[in-house]
Amino acid sequence: MTEAELIAALQQQEAAAFQHLFDRYADKIYRLALGLLHDEVEAEGVVQDSFMRVIERIDQFEGRAQIGTWIYRIAHNLSQDRLRRR
């Protein structure tokens, strides 16, 4: 599935597209969050929250960057939010 096809399927709320996105990026997001938070449970929470944010806001994705870059930014911001709350 190409990036454009994936984005189109996500915007159509296709469950298979969200599963594909999760399979492609969940481990990478987990490692990013774990590196920032140094807490496995919090990192798992960031993964969940990141994909929930993608589901809620996929219609706002403008395509100025790759979908992976957008997801990483979401995960990074959520990790920073958790660090600030500590």
PDB file of N, CA and C in Angstrom:
ATOM      1  N   MET A   1       0.848  -1.173   0.000  1.00  0.00           N
ATOM      2  CA  MET A   1       0.000   0.000   0.000  1.00  0.00           C
ATOM      3  C   MET A   1       0.896   1.239   0.000  1.00  0.00           C
ATOM      4  N   THR A   2       0.675   2.110  -0.953  1.00  0.00           N
ATOM      5  CA  THR A   2       1.471   3.338  -1.022  1.00  0.00           C
ATOM      6  C   THR A   2       1.012   4.308   0.066  1.00  0.00           C
ATOM      7  N   GLU A   3       1.824   5.312   0.302  1.00  0.00           N
ATOM      8  CA  GLU A   3       1.494   6.333   1.298  1.00  0.00           C
ATOM      9  C   GLU A   3       0.171   7.026   0.957  1.00  0.00           C
ATOM     10  N   ALA A   4      -0.013   7.387  -0.304  1.00  0.00           N
ATOM     11  CA  ALA A   4      -1.242   8.071  -0.724  1.00  0.00           C
ATOM     12  C   ALA A   4      -2.463   7.169  -0.546  1.00  0.00           C
ATOM     13  N   GLU A   5      -2.318   5.894  -0.892  1.00  0.00           N
ATOM     14  CA  GLU A   5      -3.425   4.950  -0.713  1.00  0.00           C
ATOM     15  C   GLU A   5      -3.761   4.775   0.766  1.00  0.00           C
ATOM     16  N   LEU A   6      -2.731   4.708   1.591  1.00  0.00           N
ATOM     17  CA  LEU A   6      -2.933   4.562   3.029  1.00  0.00           C
ATOM     18  C   LEU A   6      -3.676   5.766   3.596  1.00  0.00           C
ATOM     19  N   ILE A   7      -3.247   6.946   3.232  1.00  0.00           N
ATOM     20  CA  ILE A   7      -3.890   8.167   3.731  1.00  0.00           C
ATOM     21  C   ILE A   7      -5.349   8.227   3.283  1.00  0.00           C
ATOM     22  N   ALA A   8      -5.599   7.896   2.031  1.00  0.00           N
ATOM     23  CA  ALA A   8      -6.978   7.900   1.524  1.00  0.00           C
ATOM     24  C   ALA A   8      -7.840   6.899   2.290  1.00  0.00           C
ATOM     25  N   ALA A   9      -7.301   5.720   2.539  1.00  0.00           N
ATOM     26  CA  ALA A   9      -8.049   4.698   3.278  1.00  0.00           C
ATOM     27  C   ALA A   9      -8.286   5.127   4.725  1.00  0.00           C
ATOM     28  N   LEU A  10      -7.296   5.762   5.331  1.00  0.00           N
ATOM     29  CA  LEU A  10      -7.461   6.266   6.699  1.00  0.00           C
ATOM     30  C   LEU A  10      -8.548   7.329   6.756  1.00  0.00           C
ATOM     31  N   GLN A  11      -8.559   8.207   5.779  1.00  0.00           N
ATOM     32  CA  GLN A  11      -9.558   9.269   5.760  1.00  0.00           C
ATOM     33  C   GLN A  11     -10.959   8.725   5.490  1.00  0.00           C
ATOM     34  N   GLN A  12     -11.031   7.536   4.910  1.00  0.00           N
ATOM     35  CA  GLN A  12     -12.319   6.860   4.713  1.00  0.00           C
ATOM     36  C   GLN A  12     -12.678   5.992   5.925  1.00  0.00           C
ATOM     37  N   GLN A  13     -11.835   6.054   6.977  1.00  0.00           N
ATOM     38  CA  GLN A  13     -12.065   5.320   8.231  1.00  0.00           C
ATOM     39  C   GLN A  13     -12.075   3.799   8.038  1.00  0.00           C
ATOM     40  N   GLU A  14     -11.236   3.304   7.131  1.00  0.00           N
ATOM     41  CA  GLU A  14     -11.158   1.865   6.895  1.00  0.00           C
ATOM     42  C   GLU A  14     -10.331   1.211   8.001  1.00  0.00           C
ATOM     43  N   ALA A  15     -10.928   0.241   8.670  1.00  0.00           N
ATOM     44  CA  ALA A  15     -10.274  -0.426   9.798  1.00  0.00           C
ATOM     45  C   ALA A  15      -8.957  -1.079   9.383  1.00  0.00           C
ATOM     46  N   ALA A  16      -8.921  -1.672   8.209  1.00  0.00           N
ATOM     47  CA  ALA A  16      -7.701  -2.332   7.743  1.00  0.00           C
ATOM     48  C   ALA A  16      -6.559  -1.333   7.582  1.00  0.00           C
ATOM     49  N   ALA A  17      -6.878  -0.113   7.202  1.00  0.00           N
ATOM     50  CA  ALA A  17      -5.846   0.914   7.047  1.00  0.00           C
ATOM     51  C   ALA A  17      -5.269   1.307   8.400  1.00  0.00           C
ATOM     52  N   PHE A  18      -6.134   1.422   9.402  1.00  0.00           N
ATOM     53  CA  PHE A  18      -5.640   1.749  10.739  1.00  0.00           C
ATOM     54  C   PHE A  18      -4.781   0.613  11.284  1.00  0.00           C
ATOM     55  N   GLN A  19      -5.173  -0.622  11.009  1.00  0.00           N
ATOM     56  CA  GLN A  19      -4.367  -1.763  11.441  1.00  0.00           C
ATOM     57  C   GLN A  19      -3.011  -1.747  10.749  1.00  0.00           C
ATOM     58  N   HIS A  20      -3.005  -1.446   9.461  1.00  0.00           N
ATOM     59  CA  HIS A  20      -1.754  -1.361   8.704  1.00  0.00           C
ATOM     60  C   HIS A  20      -0.851  -0.269   9.290  1.00  0.00           C
ATOM     61  N   LEU A  21      -1.431   0.871   9.591  1.00  0.00           N
ATOM     62  CA  LEU A  21      -0.678   1.979  10.177  1.00  0.00           C
ATOM     63  C   LEU A  21      -0.109   1.580  11.536  1.00  0.00           C
ATOM     64  N   PHE A  22      -0.928   0.935  12.355  1.00  0.00           N
ATOM     65  CA  PHE A  22      -0.479   0.489  13.672  1.00  0.00           C
ATOM     66  C   PHE A  22       0.665  -0.506  13.530  1.00  0.00           C
ATOM     67  N   ASP A  23       0.501  -1.484  12.652  1.00  0.00           N
ATOM     68  CA  ASP A  23       1.546  -2.491  12.447  1.00  0.00           C
ATOM     69  C   ASP A  23       2.850  -1.854  11.983  1.00  0.00           C
ATOM     70  N   ARG A  24       2.754  -0.820  11.178  1.00  0.00           N
ATOM     71  CA  ARG A  24       3.934  -0.169  10.620  1.00  0.00           C
ATOM     72  C   ARG A  24       4.659   0.709  11.649  1.00  0.00           C
ATOM     73  N   TYR A  25       3.921   1.380  12.528  1.00  0.00           N
ATOM     74  CA  TYR A  25       4.537   2.412  13.364  1.00  0.00           C
ATOM     75  C   TYR A  25       4.503   2.180  14.871  1.00  0.00           C
ATOM     76  N   ALA A  26       3.750   1.237  15.376  1.00  0.00           N
ATOM     77  CA  ALA A  26       3.593   1.088  16.831  1.00  0.00           C
ATOM     78  C   ALA A  26       4.925   0.853  17.538  1.00  0.00           C
ATOM     79  N   ASP A  27       5.746  -0.050  17.029  1.00  0.00           N
ATOM     80  CA  ASP A  27       7.029  -0.332  17.682  1.00  0.00           C
ATOM     81  C   ASP A  27       7.946   0.886  17.665  1.00  0.00           C
ATOM     82  N   LYS A  28       7.954   1.600  16.569  1.00  0.00           N
ATOM     83  CA  LYS A  28       8.810   2.786  16.459  1.00  0.00           C
ATOM     84  C   LYS A  28       8.364   3.869  17.435  1.00  0.00           C
ATOM     85  N   ILE A  29       7.055   4.057  17.545  1.00  0.00           N
ATOM     86  CA  ILE A  29       6.535   5.057  18.476  1.00  0.00           C
ATOM     87  C   ILE A  29       6.831   4.642  19.912  1.00  0.00           C
ATOM     88  N   TYR A  30       6.682   3.359  20.196  1.00  0.00           N
ATOM     89  CA  TYR A  30       6.982   2.859  21.540  1.00  0.00           C
ATOM     90  C   TYR A  30       8.435   3.155  21.903  1.00  0.00           C
ATOM     91  N   ARG A  31       9.352   2.865  20.990  1.00  0.00           N
ATOM     92  CA  ARG A  31      10.774   3.115  21.266  1.00  0.00           C
ATOM     93  C   ARG A  31      11.059   4.604  21.449  1.00  0.00           C
ATOM     94  N   LEU A  32      10.417   5.441  20.649  1.00  0.00           N
ATOM     95  CA  LEU A  32      10.565   6.885  20.802  1.00  0.00           C
ATOM     96  C   LEU A  32      10.098   7.320  22.185  1.00  0.00           C
ATOM     97  N   ALA A  33       8.906   6.901  22.577  1.00  0.00           N
ATOM     98  CA  ALA A  33       8.343   7.293  23.869  1.00  0.00           C
ATOM     99  C   ALA A  33       9.161   6.725  25.025  1.00  0.00           C
ATOM    100  N   LEU A  34       9.603   5.492  24.903  1.00  0.00           N
ATOM    101  CA  LEU A  34      10.408   4.880  25.956  1.00  0.00           C
ATOM    102  C   LEU A  34      11.726   5.627  26.131  1.00  0.00           C
ATOM    103  N   GLY A  35      12.321   6.039  25.035  1.00  0.00           N
ATOM    104  CA  GLY A  35      13.565   6.799  25.108  1.00  0.00           C
ATOM    105  C   GLY A  35      13.392   8.140  25.799  1.00  0.00           C
ATOM    106  N   LEU A  36      12.242   8.755  25.630  1.00  0.00           N
ATOM    107  CA  LEU A  36      11.987  10.047  26.266  1.00  0.00           C
ATOM    108  C   LEU A  36      11.518   9.900  27.707  1.00  0.00           C
ATOM    109  N   LEU A  37      10.694   8.885  27.971  1.00  0.00           N
ATOM    110  CA  LEU A  37      10.042   8.771  29.275  1.00  0.00           C
ATOM    111  C   LEU A  37      10.737   7.817  30.242  1.00  0.00           C
ATOM    112  N   HIS A  38      11.488   6.861  29.709  1.00  0.00           N
ATOM    113  CA  HIS A  38      12.164   5.846  30.529  1.00  0.00           C
ATOM    114  C   HIS A  38      11.176   5.108  31.432  1.00  0.00           C
ATOM    115  N   ASP A  39       9.995   4.848  30.909  1.00  0.00           N
ATOM    116  CA  ASP A  39       8.945   4.164  31.664  1.00  0.00           C
ATOM    117  C   ASP A  39       8.098   3.377  30.669  1.00  0.00           C
ATOM    118  N   GLU A  40       8.112   2.047  30.797  1.00  0.00           N
ATOM    119  CA  GLU A  40       7.424   1.197  29.828  1.00  0.00           C
ATOM    120  C   GLU A  40       5.917   1.424  29.810  1.00  0.00           C
ATOM    121  N   VAL A  41       5.317   1.565  30.980  1.00  0.00           N
ATOM    122  CA  VAL A  41       3.866   1.755  31.047  1.00  0.00           C
ATOM    123  C   VAL A  41       3.468   3.084  30.413  1.00  0.00           C
ATOM    124  N   GLU A  42       4.221   4.132  30.714  1.00  0.00           N
ATOM    125  CA  GLU A  42       3.932   5.443  30.117  1.00  0.00           C
ATOM    126  C   GLU A  42       4.133   5.396  28.606  1.00  0.00           C
ATOM    127  N   ALA A  43       5.169   4.688  28.155  1.00  0.00           N
ATOM    128  CA  ALA A  43       5.428   4.578  26.716  1.00  0.00           C
ATOM    129  C   ALA A  43       4.275   3.862  26.015  1.00  0.00           C
ATOM    130  N   GLU A  44       3.747   2.808  26.638  1.00  0.00           N
ATOM    131  CA  GLU A  44       2.593   2.115  26.064  1.00  0.00           C
ATOM    132  C   GLU A  44       1.388   3.050  25.993  1.00  0.00           C
ATOM    133  N   GLY A  45       1.229   3.882  27.010  1.00  0.00           N
ATOM    134  CA  GLY A  45       0.147   4.863  27.005  1.00  0.00           C
ATOM    135  C   GLY A  45       0.285   5.862  25.873  1.00  0.00           C
ATOM    136  N   VAL A  46       1.515   6.270  25.599  1.00  0.00           N
ATOM    137  CA  VAL A  46       1.759   7.203  24.500  1.00  0.00           C
ATOM    138  C   VAL A  46       1.396   6.552  23.167  1.00  0.00           C
ATOM    139  N   VAL A  47       1.721   5.286  23.007  1.00  0.00           N
ATOM    140  CA  VAL A  47       1.359   4.584  21.768  1.00  0.00           C
ATOM    141  C   VAL A  47      -0.162   4.593  21.594  1.00  0.00           C
ATOM    142  N   GLN A  48      -0.876   4.221  22.638  1.00  0.00           N
ATOM    143  CA  GLN A  48      -2.341   4.207  22.559  1.00  0.00           C
ATOM    144  C   GLN A  48      -2.889   5.596  22.263  1.00  0.00           C
ATOM    145  N   ASP A  49      -2.409   6.579  23.010  1.00  0.00           N
ATOM    146  CA  ASP A  49      -2.901   7.947  22.831  1.00  0.00           C
ATOM    147  C   ASP A  49      -2.574   8.487  21.443  1.00  0.00           C
ATOM    148  N   SER A  50      -1.406   8.126  20.931  1.00  0.00           N
ATOM    149  CA  SER A  50      -1.000   8.598  19.604  1.00  0.00           C
ATOM    150  C   SER A  50      -1.940   8.081  18.527  1.00  0.00           C
ATOM    151  N   PHE A  51      -2.257   6.801  18.586  1.00  0.00           N
ATOM    152  CA  PHE A  51      -3.142   6.246  17.566  1.00  0.00           C
ATOM    153  C   PHE A  51      -4.581   6.720  17.739  1.00  0.00           C
ATOM    154  N   MET A  52      -4.990   6.970  18.962  1.00  0.00           N
ATOM    155  CA  MET A  52      -6.317   7.569  19.169  1.00  0.00           C
ATOM    156  C   MET A  52      -6.357   8.965  18.551  1.00  0.00           C
ATOM    157  N   ARG A  53      -5.283   9.713  18.734  1.00  0.00           N
ATOM    158  CA  ARG A  53      -5.213  11.062  18.159  1.00  0.00           C
ATOM    159  C   ARG A  53      -5.254  10.988  16.634  1.00  0.00           C
ATOM    160  N   VAL A  54      -4.563  10.006  16.055  1.00  0.00           N
ATOM    161  CA  VAL A  54      -4.595   9.837  14.595  1.00  0.00           C
ATOM    162  C   VAL A  54      -6.025   9.554  14.130  1.00  0.00           C
ATOM    163  N   ILE A  55      -6.706   8.650  14.820  1.00  0.00           N
ATOM    164  CA  ILE A  55      -8.082   8.315  14.448  1.00  0.00           C
ATOM    165  C   ILE A  55      -8.977   9.549  14.530  1.00  0.00           C
ATOM    166  N   GLU A  56      -8.812  10.313  15.604  1.00  0.00           N
ATOM    167  CA  GLU A  56      -9.657  11.491  15.814  1.00  0.00           C
ATOM    168  C   GLU A  56      -9.368  12.617  14.828  1.00  0.00           C
ATOM    169  N   ARG A  57      -8.115  12.716  14.378  1.00  0.00           N
ATOM    170  CA  ARG A  57      -7.714  13.898  13.607  1.00  0.00           C
ATOM    171  C   ARG A  57      -7.176  13.611  12.214  1.00  0.00           C
ATOM    172  N   ILE A  58      -7.416  12.424  11.686  1.00  0.00           N
ATOM    173  CA  ILE A  58      -6.886  12.100  10.364  1.00  0.00           C
ATOM    174  C   ILE A  58      -7.416  13.063   9.309  1.00  0.00           C
ATOM    175  N   ASP A  59      -8.603  13.597   9.517  1.00  0.00           N
ATOM    176  CA  ASP A  59      -9.153  14.548   8.550  1.00  0.00           C
ATOM    177  C   ASP A  59      -8.380  15.863   8.540  1.00  0.00           C
ATOM    178  N   GLN A  60      -7.577  16.116   9.570  1.00  0.00           N
ATOM    179  CA  GLN A  60      -6.772  17.333   9.640  1.00  0.00           C
ATOM    180  C   GLN A  60      -5.379  17.149   9.035  1.00  0.00           C
ATOM    181  N   PHE A  61      -5.039  15.912   8.666  1.00  0.00           N
ATOM    182  CA  PHE A  61      -3.726  15.661   8.071  1.00  0.00           C
ATOM    183  C   PHE A  61      -3.663  16.350   6.718  1.00  0.00           C
ATOM    184  N   GLU A  62      -2.694  17.243   6.562  1.00  0.00           N
ATOM    185  CA  GLU A  62      -2.606  18.073   5.359  1.00  0.00           C
ATOM    186  C   GLU A  62      -1.679  17.509   4.287  1.00  0.00           C
ATOM    187  N   GLY A  63      -0.896  16.519   4.620  1.00  0.00           N
ATOM    188  CA  GLY A  63      -0.013  15.920   3.637  1.00  0.00           C
ATOM    189  C   GLY A  63       1.254  16.706   3.358  1.00  0.00           C
ATOM    190  N   ARG A  64       1.566  17.682   4.216  1.00  0.00           N
ATOM    191  CA  ARG A  64       2.798  18.454   4.007  1.00  0.00           C
ATOM    192  C   ARG A  64       4.034  17.650   4.396  1.00  0.00           C
ATOM    193  N   ALA A  65       3.827  16.595   5.153  1.00  0.00           N
ATOM    194  CA  ALA A  65       4.903  15.685   5.547  1.00  0.00           C
ATOM    195  C   ALA A  65       4.374  14.266   5.371  1.00  0.00           C
ATOM    196  N   GLN A  66       5.246  13.302   5.525  1.00  0.00           N
ATOM    197  CA  GLN A  66       4.797  11.917   5.451  1.00  0.00           C
ATOM    198  C   GLN A  66       3.963  11.597   6.683  1.00  0.00           C
ATOM    199  N   ILE A  67       3.104  10.608   6.559  1.00  0.00           N
ATOM    200  CA  ILE A  67       2.242  10.229   7.673  1.00  0.00           C
ATOM    201  C   ILE A  67       3.069   9.787   8.882  1.00  0.00           C
ATOM    202  N   GLY A  68       4.185   9.117   8.632  1.00  0.00           N
ATOM    203  CA  GLY A  68       5.055   8.693   9.731  1.00  0.00           C
ATOM    204  C   GLY A  68       5.610   9.871  10.505  1.00  0.00           C
ATOM    205  N   THR A  69       5.988  10.913   9.811  1.00  0.00           N
ATOM    206  CA  THR A  69       6.499  12.121  10.461  1.00  0.00           C
ATOM    207  C   THR A  69       5.420  12.745  11.331  1.00  0.00           C
ATOM    208  N   TRP A  70       4.210  12.781  10.828  1.00  0.00           N
ATOM    209  CA  TRP A  70       3.080  13.335  11.581  1.00  0.00           C
ATOM    210  C   TRP A  70       2.832  12.528  12.857  1.00  0.00           C
ATOM    211  N   ILE A  71       2.855  11.209  12.736  1.00  0.00           N
ATOM    212  CA  ILE A  71       2.625  10.346  13.898  1.00  0.00           C
ATOM    213  C   ILE A  71       3.750  10.507  14.914  1.00  0.00           C
ATOM    214  N   TYR A  72       4.993  10.564  14.451  1.00  0.00           N
ATOM    215  CA  TYR A  72       6.117  10.768  15.372  1.00  0.00           C
ATOM    216  C   TYR A  72       5.970  12.082  16.121  1.00  0.00           C
ATOM    217  N   ARG A  73       5.542  13.127  15.429  1.00  0.00           N
ATOM    218  CA  ARG A  73       5.356  14.432  16.080  1.00  0.00           C
ATOM    219  C   ARG A  73       4.263  14.341  17.138  1.00  0.00           C
ATOM    220  N   ILE A  74       3.182  13.651  16.826  1.00  0.00           N
ATOM    221  CA  ILE A  74       2.113  13.454  17.811  1.00  0.00           C
ATOM    222  C   ILE A  74       2.670  12.732  19.031  1.00  0.00           C
ATOM    223  N   ALA A  75       3.395  11.641  18.803  1.00  0.00           N
ATOM    224  CA  ALA A  75       3.944  10.855  19.913  1.00  0.00           C
ATOM    225  C   ALA A  75       4.949  11.668  20.723  1.00  0.00           C
ATOM    226  N   HIS A  76       5.778  12.430  20.047  1.00  0.00           N
ATOM    227  CA  HIS A  76       6.760  13.262  20.742  1.00  0.00           C
ATOM    228  C   HIS A  76       6.050  14.293  21.613  1.00  0.00           C
ATOM    229  N   ASN A  77       5.043  14.947  21.062  1.00  0.00           N
ATOM    230  CA  ASN A  77       4.305  15.954  21.830  1.00  0.00           C
ATOM    231  C   ASN A  77       3.594  15.334  23.030  1.00  0.00           C
ATOM    232  N   LEU A  78       2.994  14.173  22.849  1.00  0.00           N
ATOM    233  CA  LEU A  78       2.330  13.502  23.965  1.00  0.00           C
ATOM    234  C   LEU A  78       3.335  13.085  25.032  1.00  0.00           C
ATOM    235  N   SER A  79       4.511  12.651  24.613  1.00  0.00           N
ATOM    236  CA  SER A  79       5.566  12.301  25.572  1.00  0.00           C
ATOM    237  C   SER A  79       6.011  13.527  26.354  1.00  0.00           C
ATOM    238  N   GLN A  80       6.182  14.635  25.661  1.00  0.00           N
ATOM    239  CA  GLN A  80       6.571  15.879  26.335  1.00  0.00           C
ATOM    240  C   GLN A  80       5.498  16.314  27.331  1.00  0.00           C
ATOM    241  N   ASP A  81       4.239  16.160  26.958  1.00  0.00           N
ATOM    242  CA  ASP A  81       3.145  16.491  27.878  1.00  0.00           C
ATOM    243  C   ASP A  81       3.238  15.657  29.152  1.00  0.00           C
ATOM    244  N   ARG A  82       3.524  14.376  29.002  1.00  0.00           N
ATOM    245  CA  ARG A  82       3.643  13.500  30.173  1.00  0.00           C
ATOM    246  C   ARG A  82       4.845  13.891  31.028  1.00  0.00           C
ATOM    247  N   LEU A  83       5.928  14.283  30.399  1.00  0.00           N
ATOM    248  CA  LEU A  83       7.097  14.724  31.169  1.00  0.00           C
ATOM    249  C   LEU A  83       6.783  15.988  31.963  1.00  0.00           C
ATOM    250  N   ARG A  84       6.056  16.902  31.370  1.00  0.00           N
ATOM    251  CA  ARG A  84       5.700  18.142  32.069  1.00  0.00           C
ATOM    252  C   ARG A  84       4.793  17.879  33.266  1.00  0.00           C
ATOM    253  N   ARG A  85       3.956  16.855  33.169  1.00  0.00           N
ATOM    254  CA  ARG A  85       3.028  16.547  34.262  1.00  0.00           C
ATOM    255  C   ARG A  85       3.708  15.846  35.429  1.00  0.00           C
ATOM    256  N   ARG A  86       4.926  15.391  35.265  1.00  0.00           N
ATOM    257  CA  ARG A  86       5.613  14.667  36.352  1.00  0.00           C
ATOM    258  C   ARG A  86       5.970  15.588  37.487  1.00  0.00           C
TER     259      ARG A  86
END
